[in-house]
Amino acid sequence: MFACFLVLAGCLVPGQPPAPQHYRIDLRLRWSIDRPAVDTNQQRGTATEVAWISVTHPDDDRRALVVIDSLTTSGTGLMEMTFDTSVGRKARGVSYDVHLVDGKIQEPVTPSTQSPATASLAQAIRMLFPLVRTKAAIGDRWPDSSLVSSTGHGGTLSGVTVTQWRVTAIRHDTLVLVGATTGHSVVTGGMPSTSTRTGTETLIVAPGGSVWAATNEMEQDMINTRSDTTERIGAKGTASVTIQRIR
């Protein structure tokens, strides 16, 4: 995915790096958990994040540094405590060191300080670095896949996500892309789980790969199996993301 946020050469002062780019990210999450062996009622929760971030390229277009300038969080139900307003205040200054190879983002995208809020925001930050063809035409299509593999206290995670991109419009050399995403992942060890994801994404991409605006709607289904019992816990989540470049 292109991470190179280009600035017109005529706007640069020789010897000075490009100015940071600023974005607003609105993220809304909704989860429900079904534990029929314990309770016939579903446990539900919602969370909201409003983030203001800065993007710079400290070295070259193979690396991007994303910093949270401000984050407001709130939650209800089972997500009330993990997305409390204090969580957002503590996230100010948290950074994401994003690496790219041939314009493609390298997994994982990990925040310098881990929390449910900063982890959720990492999913939205990935949208700023799409794999874009430099000479695309209306109707062009191409796939973009990413593999995830990590090991932590919760077990070993492995998964794959594939987005099928399509160019739907070109306006003054700016591309409008629509993507259809599918994915699945498996966690072994700890609390084993399997999950599937489907979603749609729309991007407005300027020449050079700089994202000016984006939206994403995603659904996820998950099954957890407790290691100490035979209980199967089902979870269903939705995520809605809106990104707008400020300057």
Protein backbone atom coordinates (compact mmCIF):
# COMPACT_ATOMS: atom_id res chain seq x y z
CA MET A 1 0.00 0.00 0.00
CA PHE A 2 1.34 3.41 -0.86
CA ALA A 3 2.63 5.24 2.22
CA CYS A 4 4.24 8.02 0.22
CA PHE A 5 2.32 11.19 0.99
CA LEU A 6 3.73 13.42 -1.73
CA VAL A 7 3.94 17.18 -1.48
CA LEU A 8 4.45 19.19 -4.66
CA ALA A 9 8.10 20.02 -5.05
CA GLY A 10 7.35 23.67 -5.63
CA CYS A 11 5.80 23.93 -2.19
CA LEU A 12 8.89 22.66 -0.39
CA VAL A 13 11.76 24.66 0.97
CA PRO A 14 15.03 22.94 -0.09
CA GLY A 15 16.50 20.87 2.70
CA GLN A 16 13.30 20.76 4.77
CA PRO A 17 11.19 17.60 5.20
CA PRO A 18 7.52 17.59 4.13
CA ALA A 19 5.14 19.01 6.72
CA PRO A 20 3.06 16.55 8.78
CA GLN A 21 -0.33 15.57 7.39
CA HIS A 22 -3.28 15.74 9.77
CA TYR A 23 -6.37 13.55 9.85
CA ARG A 24 -9.54 13.13 11.86
CA ILE A 25 -10.69 9.54 12.43
CA ASP A 26 -14.18 8.66 13.70
CA LEU A 27 -14.55 5.05 14.82
CA ARG A 28 -17.71 3.37 16.10
CA LEU A 29 -17.75 -0.19 17.44
CA ARG A 30 -20.60 -2.47 18.48
CA TRP A 31 -20.20 -5.92 20.03
CA SER A 32 -22.59 -8.55 21.38
CA ILE A 33 -21.53 -11.71 23.23
CA ASP A 34 -23.69 -14.81 23.44
CA ARG A 35 -23.04 -17.30 26.28
CA PRO A 36 -26.06 -19.64 26.26
CA ALA A 37 -24.50 -21.90 28.89
CA VAL A 38 -24.42 -19.01 31.38
CA ASP A 39 -27.07 -16.48 30.40
CA THR A 40 -29.90 -16.48 27.89
CA ASN A 41 -29.44 -12.72 27.40
CA GLN A 42 -26.78 -11.31 25.12
CA GLN A 43 -24.17 -9.00 26.59
CA ARG A 44 -23.86 -5.88 24.46
CA GLY A 45 -21.63 -2.86 24.26
CA THR A 46 -20.72 0.07 22.05
CA ALA A 47 -17.65 2.29 21.82
CA THR A 48 -16.82 5.56 20.10
CA GLU A 49 -13.42 7.06 19.30
CA VAL A 50 -12.62 10.45 17.77
CA ALA A 51 -8.93 10.76 16.99
CA TRP A 52 -6.79 13.57 15.60
CA ILE A 53 -3.52 12.22 14.24
CA SER A 54 -0.37 13.45 12.50
CA VAL A 55 1.51 11.51 9.80
CA THR A 56 5.17 12.14 8.99
CA HIS A 57 7.90 10.31 7.06
CA PRO A 58 11.03 10.64 9.25
CA ASP A 59 13.41 8.88 6.86
CA ASP A 60 11.85 8.11 3.48
CA ASP A 61 8.69 6.73 1.92
CA ARG A 62 9.46 3.29 3.35
CA ARG A 63 8.46 4.40 6.83
CA ALA A 64 5.67 6.50 8.31
CA LEU A 65 5.25 7.68 11.88
CA VAL A 66 1.66 8.16 13.00
CA VAL A 67 1.11 10.02 16.30
CA ILE A 68 -2.13 10.49 18.23
CA ASP A 69 -2.47 14.22 18.91
CA SER A 70 -5.85 13.86 20.63
CA LEU A 71 -8.23 10.97 21.35
CA THR A 72 -11.72 11.08 22.81
CA THR A 73 -13.24 7.76 23.88
CA SER A 74 -16.55 6.61 25.35
CA GLY A 75 -18.25 3.26 25.84
CA THR A 76 -21.47 1.64 26.98
CA GLY A 77 -22.35 -1.79 28.34
CA LEU A 78 -19.55 -4.33 28.27
CA MET A 79 -17.23 -1.75 26.59
CA GLU A 80 -17.85 1.03 29.10
CA MET A 81 -14.70 0.53 31.18
CA THR A 82 -12.23 -0.32 28.38
CA PHE A 83 -13.25 2.83 26.45
CA ASP A 84 -13.67 5.15 29.42
CA THR A 85 -12.87 8.83 28.78
CA SER A 86 -9.63 8.48 30.75
CA VAL A 87 -8.38 5.92 28.21
CA GLY A 88 -8.49 8.52 25.46
CA ARG A 89 -6.67 11.14 27.54
CA LYS A 90 -3.85 8.69 28.31
CA ALA A 91 -3.44 7.84 24.61
CA ARG A 92 -2.17 11.27 23.64
CA GLY A 93 1.31 10.91 22.15
CA VAL A 94 0.96 7.19 21.40
CA SER A 95 2.67 6.40 18.09
CA TYR A 96 2.56 3.77 15.34
CA ASP A 97 5.76 3.03 13.43
CA VAL A 98 4.51 1.93 10.00
CA HIS A 99 6.86 0.15 7.62
CA LEU A 100 6.29 -0.33 3.90
CA VAL A 101 7.91 -2.45 1.21
CA ASP A 102 7.20 -1.53 -2.42
CA GLY A 103 4.29 0.57 -1.18
CA LYS A 104 2.74 -2.29 0.81
CA ILE A 105 2.16 -1.97 4.54
CA GLN A 106 3.96 -4.51 6.71
CA GLU A 107 2.13 -6.22 9.56
CA PRO A 108 1.69 -5.83 12.39
CA VAL A 109 0.82 -2.16 12.95
CA THR A 110 1.41 -1.91 16.69
CA PRO A 111 0.84 1.10 18.99
CA SER A 112 3.67 2.15 21.29
CA THR A 113 1.22 1.78 24.20
CA GLN A 114 -1.31 -1.04 24.03
CA SER A 115 -4.97 -0.63 24.95
CA PRO A 116 -8.27 -1.67 23.32
CA ALA A 117 -8.64 1.91 22.06
CA THR A 118 -5.19 2.17 20.46
CA ALA A 119 -5.49 -1.36 19.02
CA SER A 120 -8.83 -0.51 17.42
CA LEU A 121 -7.38 2.69 16.02
CA ALA A 122 -4.59 0.66 14.37
CA GLN A 123 -7.21 -0.93 12.12
CA ALA A 124 -8.26 2.52 10.90
CA ILE A 125 -4.66 3.71 10.44
CA ARG A 126 -4.07 0.85 7.99
CA MET A 127 -6.58 2.56 5.68
CA LEU A 128 -4.17 5.46 5.16
CA PHE A 129 -1.74 3.21 3.28
CA PRO A 130 -3.63 1.45 0.49
CA LEU A 131 -1.92 -0.47 -2.29
CA VAL A 132 -2.70 1.81 -5.26
CA ARG A 133 -1.69 1.44 -8.88
CA THR A 134 0.01 4.58 -10.14
CA LYS A 135 -1.65 4.45 -13.59
CA ALA A 136 -5.12 3.16 -12.86
CA ALA A 137 -8.14 3.63 -15.12
CA ILE A 138 -11.84 3.45 -14.41
CA GLY A 139 -12.87 -0.17 -14.09
CA ASP A 140 -9.39 -1.44 -13.14
CA ARG A 141 -9.35 -4.10 -10.41
CA TRP A 142 -6.62 -5.61 -8.26
CA PRO A 143 -6.32 -7.59 -5.00
CA ASP A 144 -4.48 -6.57 -1.85
CA SER A 145 -3.81 -9.23 0.76
CA SER A 146 -2.19 -9.11 4.19
CA LEU A 147 -1.04 -11.87 6.52
CA VAL A 148 -1.07 -11.47 10.30
CA SER A 149 0.96 -13.61 12.66
CA SER A 150 1.72 -12.77 16.29
CA THR A 151 2.22 -14.44 19.64
CA GLY A 152 1.18 -13.02 23.02
CA HIS A 153 -0.32 -13.91 26.37
CA GLY A 154 -3.63 -14.70 24.65
CA GLY A 155 -2.06 -17.30 22.34
CA THR A 156 -0.83 -17.36 18.75
CA LEU A 157 -2.79 -15.44 16.14
CA SER A 158 -2.66 -16.16 12.41
CA GLY A 159 -4.91 -14.84 9.70
CA VAL A 160 -5.32 -13.37 6.25
CA THR A 161 -7.34 -10.45 4.88
CA VAL A 162 -7.99 -9.84 1.19
CA THR A 163 -9.42 -6.66 -0.34
CA GLN A 164 -10.52 -6.57 -3.98
CA TRP A 165 -10.10 -2.96 -5.16
CA ARG A 166 -11.96 -1.37 -8.06
CA VAL A 167 -11.58 2.13 -9.56
CA THR A 168 -15.06 3.64 -9.84
CA ALA A 169 -14.17 7.24 -10.79
CA ILE A 170 -11.29 9.59 -11.60
CA ARG A 171 -11.70 13.27 -10.76
CA HIS A 172 -8.86 15.64 -11.59
CA ASP A 173 -6.34 12.75 -11.29
CA THR A 174 -7.84 11.74 -7.95
CA LEU A 175 -9.00 8.13 -7.75
CA VAL A 176 -12.19 6.89 -6.12
CA LEU A 177 -11.65 3.29 -5.02
CA VAL A 178 -14.20 0.81 -3.68
CA GLY A 179 -12.98 -2.33 -1.94
CA ALA A 180 -14.69 -5.55 -0.87
CA THR A 181 -12.91 -7.21 2.04
CA THR A 182 -13.01 -10.76 3.41
CA GLY A 183 -10.82 -12.27 6.08
CA HIS A 184 -10.42 -14.96 8.65
CA SER A 185 -8.15 -15.60 11.62
CA VAL A 186 -7.43 -18.32 14.16
CA VAL A 187 -6.06 -18.12 17.71
CA THR A 188 -4.44 -21.22 19.20
CA GLY A 189 -3.41 -21.57 22.83
CA GLY A 190 -4.84 -19.39 25.58
CA MET A 191 -8.52 -19.08 24.63
CA PRO A 192 -8.78 -20.60 21.14
CA SER A 193 -10.99 -18.75 18.69
CA THR A 194 -11.89 -18.45 15.04
CA SER A 195 -13.27 -15.35 13.34
CA THR A 196 -14.46 -14.23 9.91
CA ARG A 197 -14.77 -10.68 8.56
CA THR A 198 -16.55 -9.03 5.65
CA GLY A 199 -16.74 -5.37 4.76
CA THR A 200 -16.72 -2.58 2.20
CA GLU A 201 -14.36 0.37 1.95
CA THR A 202 -14.29 3.57 -0.10
CA LEU A 203 -11.17 5.70 -0.57
CA ILE A 204 -10.44 9.03 -2.25
CA VAL A 205 -6.77 8.89 -3.23
CA ALA A 206 -4.75 11.81 -4.61
CA PRO A 207 -1.90 11.35 -7.11
CA GLY A 208 1.02 9.67 -5.37
CA GLY A 209 -1.18 7.63 -3.05
CA SER A 210 -2.18 10.19 -0.39
CA VAL A 211 -5.60 9.37 1.08
CA TRP A 212 -7.88 12.40 1.39
CA ALA A 213 -10.99 10.67 2.70
CA ALA A 214 -12.11 7.14 3.53
CA THR A 215 -15.03 5.14 4.90
CA ASN A 216 -15.22 1.55 6.04
CA GLU A 217 -18.02 -0.71 7.25
CA MET A 218 -16.98 -4.09 8.67
CA GLU A 219 -18.74 -7.05 10.29
CA GLN A 220 -17.00 -9.78 12.29
CA ASP A 221 -18.20 -13.10 13.73
CA MET A 222 -16.11 -14.88 16.36
CA ILE A 223 -16.32 -18.18 18.22
CA ASN A 224 -14.25 -18.63 21.41
CA THR A 225 -13.75 -21.99 23.12
CA ARG A 226 -12.74 -21.96 26.77
CA SER A 227 -9.81 -24.30 27.45
CA ASP A 228 -11.13 -25.33 30.89
CA THR A 229 -14.65 -26.21 29.69
CA THR A 230 -16.47 -27.18 26.53
CA GLU A 231 -18.34 -23.86 26.51
CA ARG A 232 -18.45 -22.06 23.17
CA ILE A 233 -18.82 -18.28 23.34
CA GLY A 234 -20.11 -16.47 20.28
CA ALA A 235 -19.41 -12.81 19.55
CA LYS A 236 -20.58 -10.54 16.76
CA GLY A 237 -19.15 -7.10 16.06
CA THR A 238 -19.50 -4.22 13.64
CA ALA A 239 -17.13 -1.34 13.00
CA SER A 240 -17.73 1.93 11.17
CA VAL A 241 -14.79 4.19 10.26
CA THR A 242 -14.68 7.64 8.68
CA ILE A 243 -11.39 9.39 7.88
CA GLN A 244 -10.96 12.95 6.67
CA ARG A 245 -7.73 14.75 5.91
CA ILE A 246 -7.65 18.14 7.63
CA ARG A 247 -4.53 19.63 6.04
